Amino acid sequence: MFIKYNKYKNAVCLHKNKEENMNEDNADNIESVNFIQKIINEDLKNGTYGKRVHTRFPPEPNGYLHIGHAKSICLNYGLAKKYNGIFNLRFDDTNPTKEDDSYVESIIKDVKWLCPGWKERIFYASDYFEQMYGYAIELIKKGLAYVDDLSADEIRDYRGTLTEPGKESPFRNRTVEENLELFAKMRNGEYANGEKVLRTKIDMASPNINMRDPVIYRILHEAHHNTGDKWCIYPMYDYAHPIEDAIEGITHSLCTLEFEDHRPFYDWVLRNLNDFEAAPTKQIEFAKLFLSKTMMGKRYLKKMVEEGYVDGWDDPRMPTIAALRRRGYTSEAINNFCEEIGVSKAQSVVDIAMLEHAVRDDLSLKAPRTMAVLEPIKLVITNYPEDKVEYVEAENNPDNPDMGSRMIPFCRELYIERKDFMESPPKKYYRLFPGNEVRLRNAYFVKCEDFVKDEKGNVVEVRCTYDPETKSGSGFTGRKVKGTIHWVSARHCMNAKVNLYDYMMEDEDYDKTNFLEKLNSNSKMVLNGCKVESTMKDCKIGDRFQFLRHGYFIIDQDTTKGNLLFNRIVQLKSSYK
């Protein structure tokens, strides 16, 4: 059953098991301890692994990582850091048909970004192929593995169902000598793909279908990104995974819940190999991250990329770590988000608003404020001298005074947001309309006296007068206005292009079969001809800002000299009214 998380910090679960999931209170030292930490604490107390904590993140390099993987990365690295342990990045590259060096490079970049201070311990399952082959021979010699001639479909038919036991393969009782000979021929490339497999001999009547003689080696005449053409047989993940963990000395192998039913086989492999009988690695499962209004799963994201629904793996609408980084999310925000949602055994859907809150919370003290007009309309101050330019002072970040202030040019002609003027406004509209007075942020009061329309009836210019006594910081108290709007100098501003990104999915009523039909057609809006402060001229790719009244933005990697391009990171907590 899925549990829906509420927005922001009140991520309340309806029926979580405290023993598994929630915090425990210690009368002497109150500390949040999740169920994984309880297990680690007990192992440390008992000296199970010699007072060691060694974790790993084991992705298959068959696509880009997404926010769900970020949870696993932050969890594994965070635990290693907390217990002064070791954290490995290990590529489970056991399937050469889907893997690529480009994915390896992207994953390394993602992990380095999310794990500051990581010592870059990088390993590959393929580095252990020779050892895995030797362990397979050990299982054969112990009568615990056999070469099977059944096809994949036949193996599936023989396996049985959740309610019916499986049937033994007619090749199950081959002699040890025959199995050793056939397995050697498999390695030597004497058989075609699918002609033979190596299976463990466990129990075809096991109530756990994963224990019904699972396949541990298959034939694949495919070049491998790391080993080239050295191998034509490749280990299955369920066999390779426990061996990799054991070879590297992993103490706590953290997996998502779908591997819970695979744990008996994980333990069986280590228990039946002489090298790993003592204190075998402990597999622990936790719930995946599911995010509202977001499709996750590499195969589905890959489909979106390959069929052109998005502009690549790092399209800022995507939930990949590369995309979130390009969109402007910070590693600190993602780490804080993962810490906030915690770990549990209960599947849950986290409201994406919680992730957005983490981003705002992190950027509020880091991002300088600036004024940007996204849909500009000219404002002319008719009683301001034509040639005069003055500079007004503006705080760079009112939440962080240490960031200082900047001087902004002010003159007769400005740009304001089109939505900040209405010819016939509704009630409680406090911005510009004929006869109304507002404050120009950091500058003066201006009063709308007139406006100009083009031949199509669109307002193209608002004409105002200003009161020189009302300058910000002057101490003027003669009268008050209800509205404050932002602006940029028409003479000094810079042109910019802005990408406004929204949620990937239009709603939450979708599944893996129809998700393409539910993609949000308004997930990207491109605004040309935007105007930003002249203070932006020295900014560089990757710089982040809060556009007042609009949200947080980042300068995109496709920015070129004279062609500023911004991506909206996240909107403000609430839209301006």
Protein backbone atom coordinates (compact mmCIF):
# COMPACT_ATOMS: atom_id res chain seq x y z
CA MET A 1 0.00 0.00 0.00
CA PHE A 2 1.23 3.43 -0.90
CA ILE A 3 1.28 6.26 1.61
CA LYS A 4 0.95 9.85 0.44
CA TYR A 5 3.35 12.35 1.95
CA ASN A 6 2.01 15.80 2.67
CA LYS A 7 3.76 18.96 1.58
CA TYR A 8 6.92 20.30 3.09
CA LYS A 9 8.08 19.16 6.48
CA ASN A 10 4.84 17.55 7.57
CA ALA A 11 5.52 14.36 5.68
CA VAL A 12 3.12 12.29 7.71
CA CYS A 13 2.65 8.59 7.10
CA LEU A 14 -0.68 7.01 7.87
CA HIS A 15 0.46 3.74 9.31
CA LYS A 16 4.23 3.36 9.45
CA ASN A 17 5.64 0.70 11.69
CA LYS A 18 7.71 2.47 14.33
CA GLU A 19 9.86 -0.57 14.83
CA GLU A 20 10.87 -0.49 11.18
CA ASN A 21 10.79 3.07 10.29
CA MET A 22 10.36 5.85 12.73
CA ASN A 23 12.58 7.47 15.25
CA GLU A 24 13.33 6.13 18.69
CA ASP A 25 13.70 8.41 21.69
CA ASN A 26 16.54 7.91 24.11
CA ALA A 27 16.00 9.55 27.47
CA ASP A 28 19.63 10.60 27.72
CA ASN A 29 20.31 11.48 24.11
CA ILE A 30 17.38 12.05 21.77
CA GLU A 31 18.47 11.15 18.26
CA SER A 32 16.61 10.22 15.11
CA VAL A 33 17.51 6.63 14.32
CA ASN A 34 15.96 4.85 11.36
CA PHE A 35 15.62 1.09 11.12
CA ILE A 36 18.82 0.72 9.09
CA GLN A 37 20.83 2.63 11.67
CA LYS A 38 19.41 0.35 14.36
CA ILE A 39 20.78 -2.66 12.51
CA ILE A 40 24.17 -1.00 12.02
CA ASN A 41 24.31 0.08 15.66
CA GLU A 42 23.61 -3.50 16.77
CA ASP A 43 26.30 -4.87 14.44
CA LEU A 44 28.83 -2.37 15.77
CA LYS A 45 27.90 -3.25 19.33
CA ASN A 46 28.40 -6.95 18.61
CA GLY A 47 31.53 -6.48 16.50
CA THR A 48 29.86 -8.35 13.64
CA TYR A 49 32.13 -6.83 11.01
CA GLY A 50 35.03 -5.83 13.18
CA LYS A 51 33.53 -2.40 13.98
CA ARG A 52 33.41 -1.58 10.25
CA VAL A 53 30.73 0.10 8.17
CA HIS A 54 31.21 -0.23 4.43
CA THR A 55 28.41 0.68 1.99
CA ARG A 56 28.07 0.88 -1.78
CA PHE A 57 25.87 2.23 -4.54
CA PRO A 58 25.70 -0.35 -7.38
CA PRO A 59 24.02 1.06 -10.53
CA GLU A 60 23.91 -0.70 -13.85
CA PRO A 61 25.40 1.68 -16.46
CA ASN A 62 22.42 1.41 -18.82
CA GLY A 63 21.03 4.94 -18.48
CA TYR A 64 21.23 8.16 -16.52
CA LEU A 65 20.48 8.19 -12.79
CA HIS A 66 17.32 9.89 -11.52
CA ILE A 67 16.10 11.38 -8.25
CA GLY A 68 15.16 7.92 -6.98
CA HIS A 69 18.80 6.86 -7.28
CA ALA A 70 19.79 10.04 -5.48
CA LYS A 71 17.96 8.77 -2.41
CA SER A 72 20.05 5.58 -2.47
CA ILE A 73 23.30 7.47 -3.09
CA CYS A 74 22.65 9.94 -0.27
CA LEU A 75 21.62 7.11 2.08
CA ASN A 76 24.65 4.92 1.41
CA TYR A 77 27.16 7.76 1.42
CA GLY A 78 25.50 9.42 4.40
CA LEU A 79 25.68 6.25 6.50
CA ALA A 80 29.32 5.68 5.61
CA LYS A 81 30.11 9.26 6.56
CA LYS A 82 28.13 9.08 9.80
CA TYR A 83 29.97 5.97 10.97
CA ASN A 84 33.40 6.99 9.64
CA GLY A 85 33.13 4.15 7.17
CA ILE A 86 33.79 3.61 3.47
CA PHE A 87 31.54 4.16 0.46
CA ASN A 88 32.03 2.49 -2.94
CA LEU A 89 30.54 3.31 -6.31
CA ARG A 90 30.33 0.00 -8.12
CA PHE A 91 29.04 -0.55 -11.62
CA ASP A 92 27.02 -3.75 -11.89
CA ASP A 93 28.00 -4.13 -15.52
CA THR A 94 26.93 -7.73 -16.14
CA ASN A 95 24.77 -7.11 -19.23
CA PRO A 96 26.82 -5.84 -22.19
CA THR A 97 23.76 -5.44 -24.44
CA LYS A 98 22.53 -2.36 -22.57
CA GLU A 99 25.64 -0.75 -21.08
CA ASP A 100 27.80 2.08 -22.36
CA ASP A 101 30.78 4.17 -21.26
CA SER A 102 28.74 7.37 -21.65
CA TYR A 103 26.46 6.15 -18.86
CA VAL A 104 29.48 5.28 -16.72
CA GLU A 105 30.80 8.82 -17.11
CA SER A 106 27.45 10.42 -16.30
CA ILE A 107 27.00 8.30 -13.18
CA ILE A 108 30.47 9.13 -11.86
CA LYS A 109 29.72 12.83 -12.39
CA ASP A 110 26.40 12.51 -10.54
CA VAL A 111 27.87 10.69 -7.56
CA LYS A 112 30.78 13.13 -7.24
CA TRP A 113 28.29 15.99 -7.31
CA LEU A 114 26.03 14.51 -4.64
CA CYS A 115 28.83 13.27 -2.37
CA PRO A 116 31.24 16.10 -1.45
CA GLY A 117 34.41 14.71 0.07
CA TRP A 118 33.97 11.28 -1.48
CA LYS A 119 37.32 9.58 -2.15
CA GLU A 120 36.17 8.32 -5.55
CA ARG A 121 36.32 4.61 -4.83
CA ILE A 122 35.11 3.23 -8.17
CA PHE A 123 34.72 -0.49 -8.92
CA TYR A 124 33.25 -2.69 -11.64
CA ALA A 125 31.52 -6.04 -11.39
CA SER A 126 33.35 -6.95 -14.60
CA ASP A 127 36.66 -6.74 -12.72
CA TYR A 128 35.51 -9.82 -10.79
CA PHE A 129 34.39 -11.98 -13.74
CA GLU A 130 37.27 -14.41 -13.34
CA GLN A 131 36.55 -14.84 -9.63
CA MET A 132 32.83 -15.28 -10.30
CA TYR A 133 33.64 -17.97 -12.84
CA GLY A 134 35.78 -19.74 -10.26
CA TYR A 135 32.99 -19.58 -7.69
CA ALA A 136 30.58 -21.05 -10.25
CA ILE A 137 32.96 -23.98 -10.69
CA GLU A 138 33.02 -24.38 -6.90
CA LEU A 139 29.21 -24.63 -6.88
CA ILE A 140 29.30 -27.20 -9.69
CA LYS A 141 31.85 -29.32 -7.80
CA LYS A 142 29.64 -29.18 -4.71
CA GLY A 143 26.69 -30.46 -6.76
CA LEU A 144 24.93 -27.10 -6.36
CA ALA A 145 24.93 -25.98 -10.01
CA TYR A 146 24.28 -27.58 -13.38
CA VAL A 147 24.26 -26.74 -17.08
CA ASP A 148 20.75 -26.67 -18.49
CA ASP A 149 19.72 -27.01 -22.15
CA LEU A 150 16.18 -25.72 -21.67
CA SER A 151 15.29 -22.54 -23.54
CA ALA A 152 14.31 -19.37 -21.69
CA ASP A 153 10.62 -20.05 -22.40
CA GLU A 154 10.93 -23.64 -21.21
CA ILE A 155 12.67 -22.57 -18.01
CA ARG A 156 9.84 -20.13 -17.41
CA ASP A 157 7.25 -22.90 -17.96
CA TYR A 158 9.10 -25.32 -15.69
CA ARG A 159 9.40 -22.74 -12.91
CA GLY A 160 5.74 -23.04 -11.89
CA THR A 161 3.62 -20.29 -10.38
CA LEU A 162 3.16 -18.58 -7.05
CA THR A 163 0.64 -21.28 -6.13
CA GLU A 164 2.07 -24.30 -7.96
CA PRO A 165 5.57 -25.83 -7.55
CA GLY A 166 7.96 -26.01 -10.45
CA LYS A 167 9.24 -29.08 -12.30
CA GLU A 168 12.82 -30.24 -12.36
CA SER A 169 14.70 -29.84 -15.62
CA PRO A 170 15.53 -33.13 -17.38
CA PHE A 171 19.17 -31.94 -17.34
CA ARG A 172 19.24 -31.29 -13.58
CA ASN A 173 20.99 -34.52 -12.66
CA ARG A 174 23.97 -34.28 -14.94
CA THR A 175 27.20 -35.42 -13.30
CA VAL A 176 29.69 -32.96 -11.87
CA GLU A 177 32.17 -33.95 -14.58
CA GLU A 178 29.68 -33.37 -17.38
CA ASN A 179 28.66 -29.99 -15.95
CA LEU A 180 32.29 -28.87 -15.63
CA GLU A 181 32.96 -29.87 -19.23
CA LEU A 182 29.86 -28.14 -20.58
CA PHE A 183 30.49 -24.98 -18.56
CA ALA A 184 34.05 -24.80 -19.90
CA LYS A 185 32.69 -25.11 -23.45
CA MET A 186 30.22 -22.32 -22.71
CA ARG A 187 33.11 -20.10 -21.74
CA ASN A 188 35.09 -21.10 -24.82
CA GLY A 189 32.29 -19.90 -27.08
CA GLU A 190 31.22 -23.29 -28.42
CA TYR A 191 27.51 -22.59 -28.04
CA ALA A 192 25.15 -19.96 -29.42
CA ASN A 193 23.23 -17.39 -27.38
CA GLY A 194 20.51 -19.09 -25.35
CA GLU A 195 21.67 -22.60 -26.17
CA LYS A 196 22.71 -23.35 -22.59
CA VAL A 197 22.67 -21.71 -19.17
CA LEU A 198 24.16 -22.49 -15.79
CA ARG A 199 21.62 -22.84 -12.97
CA THR A 200 21.93 -23.37 -9.26
CA LYS A 201 20.40 -26.55 -7.84
CA ILE A 202 18.22 -25.52 -4.91
CA ASP A 203 14.52 -26.42 -4.70
CA MET A 204 11.97 -26.40 -7.52
CA ALA A 205 9.18 -26.64 -4.94
CA SER A 206 10.32 -23.64 -2.90
CA PRO A 207 7.50 -21.25 -1.98
CA ASN A 208 9.90 -18.47 -3.06
CA ILE A 209 9.98 -18.63 -6.83
CA ASN A 210 13.42 -16.98 -6.82
CA MET A 211 14.85 -20.12 -5.21
CA ARG A 212 13.65 -22.48 -7.94
CA ASP A 213 17.03 -23.15 -9.52
CA PRO A 214 17.74 -19.59 -10.69
CA VAL A 215 19.98 -19.06 -13.71
CA ILE A 216 23.40 -17.67 -12.78
CA TYR A 217 25.17 -17.63 -16.18
CA ARG A 218 23.93 -17.06 -19.72
CA ILE A 219 25.65 -16.97 -23.10
CA LEU A 220 25.94 -13.54 -24.74
CA HIS A 221 28.26 -13.12 -27.70
CA GLU A 222 28.49 -9.39 -27.13
CA ALA A 223 31.44 -7.06 -26.63
CA HIS A 224 31.62 -5.58 -23.13
CA HIS A 225 32.41 -1.91 -22.45
CA ASN A 226 35.13 -2.89 -19.95
CA THR A 227 36.32 -6.41 -20.87
CA GLY A 228 35.91 -6.25 -24.64
CA ASP A 229 35.59 -9.69 -26.26
CA LYS A 230 37.20 -11.64 -23.43
CA TRP A 231 33.93 -13.18 -22.28
CA CYS A 232 30.93 -14.68 -24.03
CA ILE A 233 29.24 -15.84 -20.81
CA TYR A 234 28.03 -13.32 -18.28
CA PRO A 235 26.82 -13.74 -14.69
CA MET A 236 23.26 -12.86 -13.76
CA TYR A 237 22.78 -9.95 -11.39
CA ASP A 238 21.39 -12.01 -8.51
CA TYR A 239 24.48 -14.21 -8.56
CA ALA A 240 27.03 -11.45 -9.14
CA HIS A 241 25.67 -9.01 -6.58
CA PRO A 242 26.40 -10.91 -3.35
CA ILE A 243 29.83 -11.94 -4.63
CA GLU A 244 30.74 -8.36 -5.50
CA ASP A 245 29.64 -7.20 -2.07
CA ALA A 246 31.63 -9.91 -0.35
CA ILE A 247 34.80 -9.33 -2.38
CA GLU A 248 34.72 -5.61 -1.58
CA GLY A 249 34.03 -6.19 2.09
CA ILE A 250 30.64 -4.48 2.06
CA THR A 251 29.03 -4.79 5.48
CA HIS A 252 25.52 -3.55 4.77
CA SER A 253 24.13 -4.02 1.28
CA LEU A 254 21.20 -1.59 1.02
CA CYS A 255 18.66 -2.43 -1.68
CA THR A 256 15.17 -1.30 -2.58
CA LEU A 257 12.16 -3.41 -1.62
CA GLU A 258 11.86 -5.37 -4.89
CA PHE A 259 14.99 -7.26 -3.84
CA GLU A 260 13.47 -8.47 -0.58
CA ASP A 261 12.30 -11.74 -2.17
CA HIS A 262 15.78 -12.14 -3.66
CA ARG A 263 17.52 -11.97 -0.28
CA PRO A 264 17.26 -15.75 0.39
CA PHE A 265 19.26 -16.39 -2.80
CA TYR A 266 21.72 -13.62 -1.86
CA ASP A 267 22.31 -15.40 1.46
CA TRP A 268 22.40 -18.85 -0.22
CA VAL A 269 25.22 -17.82 -2.55
CA LEU A 270 27.42 -16.49 0.25
CA ARG A 271 26.61 -19.39 2.56
CA ASN A 272 27.69 -21.94 -0.04
CA LEU A 273 31.00 -20.36 -1.05
CA ASN A 274 33.90 -21.18 1.24
CA ASP A 275 35.44 -17.71 1.07
CA PHE A 276 32.34 -15.98 2.43
CA GLU A 277 30.86 -18.28 5.06
CA ALA A 278 32.04 -16.15 8.00
CA ALA A 279 30.10 -12.90 8.70
CA PRO A 280 28.56 -12.59 5.23
CA THR A 281 27.38 -9.22 3.97
CA LYS A 282 23.92 -8.28 5.25
CA GLN A 283 21.28 -7.24 2.68
CA ILE A 284 18.77 -4.69 3.97
CA GLU A 285 15.82 -3.42 1.95
CA PHE A 286 14.13 -0.03 2.03
CA ALA A 287 11.32 1.63 0.10
CA LYS A 288 11.91 3.32 -3.23
CA LEU A 289 11.28 6.99 -3.75
CA PHE A 290 8.17 7.76 -5.76
CA LEU A 291 7.62 11.42 -6.57
CA SER A 292 4.28 12.94 -7.50
CA LYS A 293 3.80 14.32 -11.04
CA THR A 294 7.01 12.59 -12.07
CA MET A 295 7.66 9.50 -14.17
CA MET A 296 10.70 7.54 -13.05
CA GLY A 297 12.32 4.35 -14.25
CA LYS A 298 15.21 4.32 -16.68
CA ARG A 299 13.42 2.36 -19.41
CA TYR A 300 10.59 4.91 -19.53
CA LEU A 301 12.89 7.91 -19.40
CA LYS A 302 14.97 6.32 -22.16
CA LYS A 303 11.82 6.00 -24.27
CA MET A 304 11.11 9.71 -23.80
CA VAL A 305 14.64 10.57 -24.88
CA GLU A 306 14.77 8.24 -27.88
CA GLU A 307 11.33 9.24 -29.18
CA GLY A 308 11.99 12.96 -28.85
CA TYR A 309 9.54 13.85 -26.10
CA VAL A 310 12.39 15.66 -24.33
CA ASP A 311 15.67 17.21 -25.45
CA GLY A 312 17.99 14.57 -24.03
CA TRP A 313 18.75 12.99 -20.66
CA ASP A 314 19.61 16.37 -19.14
CA ASP A 315 16.47 18.15 -20.32
CA PRO A 316 15.53 20.19 -17.22
CA ARG A 317 12.05 18.67 -17.25
CA MET A 318 13.50 15.22 -16.62
CA PRO A 319 13.95 13.75 -13.11
CA THR A 320 17.52 12.66 -13.88
CA ILE A 321 20.24 13.98 -11.62
CA ALA A 322 21.92 15.51 -14.68
CA ALA A 323 18.68 17.32 -15.55
CA LEU A 324 18.10 18.54 -12.00
CA ARG A 325 21.68 19.84 -11.92
CA ARG A 326 21.17 21.67 -15.22
CA ARG A 327 17.85 23.04 -14.03
CA GLY A 328 19.65 24.60 -11.08
CA TYR A 329 18.94 22.28 -8.18
CA THR A 330 21.79 22.13 -5.70
CA SER A 331 23.37 18.98 -4.32
CA GLU A 332 22.76 20.35 -0.82
CA ALA A 333 19.04 20.68 -1.51
CA ILE A 334 18.78 17.10 -2.79
CA ASN A 335 20.74 15.77 0.19
CA ASN A 336 18.50 17.73 2.56
CA PHE A 337 15.40 16.44 0.79
CA CYS A 338 16.56 12.84 1.06
CA GLU A 339 17.34 13.36 4.73
CA GLU A 340 13.92 14.88 5.32
CA ILE A 341 11.91 12.07 3.73
CA GLY A 342 13.95 9.44 5.59
CA VAL A 343 13.90 5.70 4.96
CA SER A 344 11.18 3.19 5.62
CA LYS A 345 9.82 -0.20 4.64
CA ALA A 346 6.53 1.38 3.58
CA GLN A 347 6.10 2.38 -0.06
CA SER A 348 5.12 6.02 -0.33
CA VAL A 349 4.56 8.81 -2.79
CA VAL A 350 6.30 12.02 -1.83
CA ASP A 351 4.71 15.28 -2.93
CA ILE A 352 7.08 17.03 -5.34
CA ALA A 353 6.34 20.21 -3.39
CA MET A 354 8.60 18.80 -0.69
CA LEU A 355 11.54 18.68 -3.10
CA GLU A 356 10.78 22.19 -4.31
CA HIS A 357 10.67 23.38 -0.71
CA ALA A 358 14.14 21.93 -0.12
CA VAL A 359 15.46 23.80 -3.16
CA ARG A 360 13.93 27.13 -2.08
CA ASP A 361 15.16 26.64 1.44
CA ASP A 362 18.72 26.10 0.23
CA LEU A 363 18.73 28.92 -2.32
CA SER A 364 17.09 31.53 -0.11
CA LEU A 365 20.41 32.39 1.56
CA LYS A 366 22.62 31.71 -1.47
CA ALA A 367 20.92 33.29 -4.46
CA PRO A 368 21.22 37.05 -4.98
CA ARG A 369 18.02 38.90 -5.82
CA THR A 370 17.64 40.69 -9.11
CA MET A 371 14.88 42.25 -11.17
CA ALA A 372 13.89 40.65 -14.45
CA VAL A 373 10.92 41.56 -16.64
CA LEU A 374 9.71 38.45 -18.46
CA GLU A 375 6.84 39.96 -20.46
CA PRO A 376 7.91 43.57 -20.89
CA ILE A 377 5.87 46.66 -21.59
CA LYS A 378 7.45 50.11 -21.66
CA LEU A 379 6.82 52.61 -18.87
CA VAL A 380 7.67 56.27 -19.55
CA ILE A 381 7.99 58.73 -16.67
CA THR A 382 6.91 61.90 -18.42
CA ASN A 383 8.16 64.35 -15.79
CA TYR A 384 11.58 62.71 -15.38
CA PRO A 385 14.46 64.45 -17.23
CA GLU A 386 15.19 62.74 -20.54
CA ASP A 387 18.98 62.62 -20.17
CA LYS A 388 19.14 61.94 -16.44
CA VAL A 389 20.45 58.64 -15.08
CA GLU A 390 20.66 57.98 -11.38
CA TYR A 391 21.57 54.88 -9.45
CA VAL A 392 19.42 53.40 -6.73
CA GLU A 393 20.62 50.96 -4.14
CA ALA A 394 19.14 47.47 -3.82
CA GLU A 395 19.90 44.67 -1.38
CA ASN A 396 21.38 41.60 -2.98
CA ASN A 397 19.68 39.33 -0.49
CA PRO A 398 17.51 40.63 2.37
CA ASP A 399 17.79 37.20 4.05
CA ASN A 400 21.59 37.40 3.97
CA PRO A 401 22.89 40.94 4.66
CA ASP A 402 26.47 39.75 4.17
CA MET A 403 25.80 39.62 0.43
CA GLY A 404 25.73 43.43 0.40
CA SER A 405 23.96 45.60 -2.14
CA ARG A 406 24.19 46.74 -5.75
CA MET A 407 23.55 50.00 -7.62
CA ILE A 408 20.91 49.87 -10.36
CA PRO A 409 20.53 52.51 -13.09
CA PHE A 410 17.21 54.40 -13.15
CA CYS A 411 16.02 56.66 -15.95
CA ARG A 412 13.01 58.07 -17.77
CA GLU A 413 12.13 54.91 -19.73
CA LEU A 414 11.72 51.58 -17.98
CA TYR A 415 10.29 48.16 -18.60
CA ILE A 416 7.65 46.66 -16.33
CA GLU A 417 5.68 43.41 -16.46
CA ARG A 418 2.69 43.51 -18.78
CA LYS A 419 0.56 41.99 -15.99
CA ASP A 420 1.43 45.00 -13.80
CA PHE A 421 -0.84 47.28 -15.83
CA MET A 422 -4.56 46.93 -16.53
CA GLU A 423 -6.81 49.35 -18.30
CA SER A 424 -9.88 48.19 -16.38
CA PRO A 425 -8.73 46.33 -13.30
CA PRO A 426 -10.83 44.08 -11.06
CA LYS A 427 -11.27 44.75 -7.38
CA LYS A 428 -8.20 44.40 -5.17
CA TYR A 429 -5.85 44.97 -8.09
CA TYR A 430 -3.17 47.19 -6.59
CA ARG A 431 -0.81 47.59 -9.47
CA LEU A 432 -0.90 50.21 -12.22
CA PHE A 433 -4.11 51.41 -13.81
CA PRO A 434 -5.27 54.93 -14.83
CA GLY A 435 -5.12 57.17 -11.81
CA ASN A 436 -3.42 54.66 -9.49
CA GLU A 437 -0.08 55.10 -7.79
CA VAL A 438 2.46 52.35 -6.97
CA ARG A 439 6.05 52.15 -5.80
CA LEU A 440 8.79 51.16 -8.19
CA ARG A 441 10.92 48.90 -6.05
CA ASN A 442 14.01 50.64 -4.65
CA ALA A 443 12.98 53.85 -6.47
CA TYR A 444 9.96 56.20 -6.53
CA PHE A 445 6.21 56.37 -6.44
CA VAL A 446 4.76 56.64 -9.94
CA LYS A 447 1.18 57.44 -10.93
CA CYS A 448 -0.42 56.23 -14.14
CA GLU A 449 -1.64 59.17 -16.21
CA ASP A 450 -2.13 57.65 -19.64
CA PHE A 451 -1.31 54.70 -21.90
CA VAL A 452 -0.74 54.01 -25.60
CA LYS A 453 -2.18 51.22 -27.75
CA ASP A 454 -1.03 49.88 -31.10
CA GLU A 455 -3.23 49.37 -34.15
CA LYS A 456 -4.36 45.99 -32.79
CA GLY A 457 -5.55 47.50 -29.55
CA ASN A 458 -2.68 46.16 -27.42
CA VAL A 459 -1.21 48.43 -24.76
CA VAL A 460 2.41 49.11 -25.73
CA GLU A 461 3.30 51.97 -23.38
CA VAL A 462 2.26 53.17 -19.94
CA ARG A 463 2.80 56.85 -19.12
CA CYS A 464 3.32 57.94 -15.55
CA THR A 465 4.55 60.79 -13.45
CA TYR A 466 6.84 60.38 -10.47
CA ASP A 467 7.12 62.13 -7.13
CA PRO A 468 10.80 62.94 -6.45
CA GLU A 469 10.14 63.16 -2.70
CA THR A 470 9.23 59.47 -2.48
CA LYS A 471 12.60 57.94 -3.23
CA SER A 472 13.27 54.73 -1.33
CA GLY A 473 15.42 55.30 1.69
CA SER A 474 14.50 59.00 1.91
CA GLY A 475 12.23 58.49 4.90
CA PHE A 476 9.15 59.76 3.07
CA THR A 477 5.95 59.10 5.05
CA GLY A 478 3.53 61.56 3.43
CA ARG A 479 1.29 58.81 2.00
CA LYS A 480 1.28 55.11 1.35
CA VAL A 481 0.65 52.93 -1.66
CA LYS A 482 -0.63 49.35 -1.70
CA GLY A 483 1.35 48.05 -4.64
CA THR A 484 5.06 47.64 -5.34
CA ILE A 485 6.27 46.47 -8.75
CA HIS A 486 9.68 45.72 -10.22
CA TRP A 487 11.31 47.23 -13.30
CA VAL A 488 14.49 47.51 -15.32
CA SER A 489 16.03 50.47 -17.11
CA ALA A 490 15.14 50.39 -20.82
CA ARG A 491 18.41 52.14 -21.64
CA HIS A 492 20.65 49.80 -19.68
CA CYS A 493 18.94 46.42 -19.48
CA MET A 494 20.06 43.25 -21.23
CA ASN A 495 17.96 40.98 -23.43
CA ALA A 496 17.45 37.41 -22.32
CA LYS A 497 15.64 34.21 -23.19
CA VAL A 498 13.91 32.36 -20.37
CA ASN A 499 12.74 28.76 -20.14
CA LEU A 500 9.86 28.29 -17.73
CA TYR A 501 9.71 24.65 -16.64
CA ASP A 502 6.76 22.96 -14.97
CA TYR A 503 5.88 19.44 -13.84
CA MET A 504 6.53 16.56 -16.21
CA MET A 505 3.08 14.96 -15.78
CA GLU A 506 -0.22 16.83 -16.04
CA ASP A 507 -1.72 14.89 -13.14
CA GLU A 508 -1.17 11.77 -11.06
CA ASP A 509 -3.67 9.57 -12.90
CA TYR A 510 -1.22 7.64 -15.06
CA ASP A 511 0.72 4.41 -15.15
CA LYS A 512 3.55 2.88 -17.14
CA THR A 513 1.26 1.97 -20.04
CA ASN A 514 -0.25 5.38 -20.67
CA PHE A 515 2.26 7.85 -19.22
CA LEU A 516 3.15 9.30 -22.64
CA GLU A 517 -0.47 10.38 -23.03
CA LYS A 518 -0.30 12.16 -19.67
CA LEU A 519 2.81 14.24 -20.34
CA ASN A 520 2.27 17.89 -19.52
CA SER A 521 2.19 19.77 -22.82
CA ASN A 522 2.97 22.98 -20.91
CA SER A 523 6.00 21.57 -19.12
CA LYS A 524 8.20 24.03 -21.03
CA MET A 525 7.37 27.60 -22.00
CA VAL A 526 9.98 29.66 -23.85
CA LEU A 527 9.95 33.45 -23.38
CA ASN A 528 11.93 35.59 -25.79
CA GLY A 529 12.67 39.28 -25.43
CA CYS A 530 12.88 39.25 -21.64
CA LYS A 531 14.73 42.12 -19.94
CA VAL A 532 17.18 41.75 -17.06
CA GLU A 533 19.27 44.16 -15.01
CA SER A 534 22.51 45.43 -16.49
CA THR A 535 24.20 44.01 -13.39
CA MET A 536 23.88 40.58 -15.05
CA LYS A 537 26.50 41.37 -17.70
CA ASP A 538 29.34 39.77 -15.74
CA CYS A 539 27.44 36.64 -14.73
CA LYS A 540 28.49 33.18 -15.89
CA ILE A 541 26.97 29.80 -16.69
CA GLY A 542 25.65 28.12 -13.55
CA ASP A 543 25.03 31.32 -11.58
CA ARG A 544 21.72 31.27 -9.73
CA PHE A 545 19.40 34.15 -8.89
CA GLN A 546 16.02 34.92 -7.49
CA PHE A 547 14.07 36.95 -10.00
CA LEU A 548 11.91 39.06 -7.72
CA ARG A 549 8.27 37.95 -7.80
CA HIS A 550 9.05 35.17 -10.29
CA GLY A 551 11.16 32.47 -8.70
CA TYR A 552 14.68 31.07 -8.78
CA PHE A 553 16.63 30.89 -12.05
CA ILE A 554 19.98 29.65 -13.34
CA ILE A 555 22.06 30.65 -16.35
CA ASP A 556 21.91 27.66 -18.70
CA GLN A 557 24.89 25.96 -20.30
CA ASP A 558 23.67 27.04 -23.77
CA THR A 559 24.17 30.71 -22.92
CA THR A 560 26.53 32.49 -25.29
CA LYS A 561 28.03 35.97 -25.21
CA GLY A 562 25.23 38.44 -25.77
CA ASN A 563 22.56 35.70 -25.61
CA LEU A 564 21.62 35.08 -22.01
CA LEU A 565 19.54 31.96 -21.41
CA PHE A 566 17.88 31.28 -18.05
CA ASN A 567 16.11 28.21 -16.74
CA ARG A 568 13.51 28.52 -14.03
CA ILE A 569 14.63 26.32 -11.16
CA VAL A 570 11.51 26.60 -9.07
CA GLN A 571 8.72 29.09 -8.57
CA LEU A 572 8.40 31.11 -5.43
CA LYS A 573 6.49 29.58 -2.57
CA SER A 574 3.37 31.41 -3.59
CA SER A 575 2.61 33.45 -6.69
CA TYR A 576 2.49 37.20 -6.38
CA LYS A 577 -1.01 38.63 -5.96
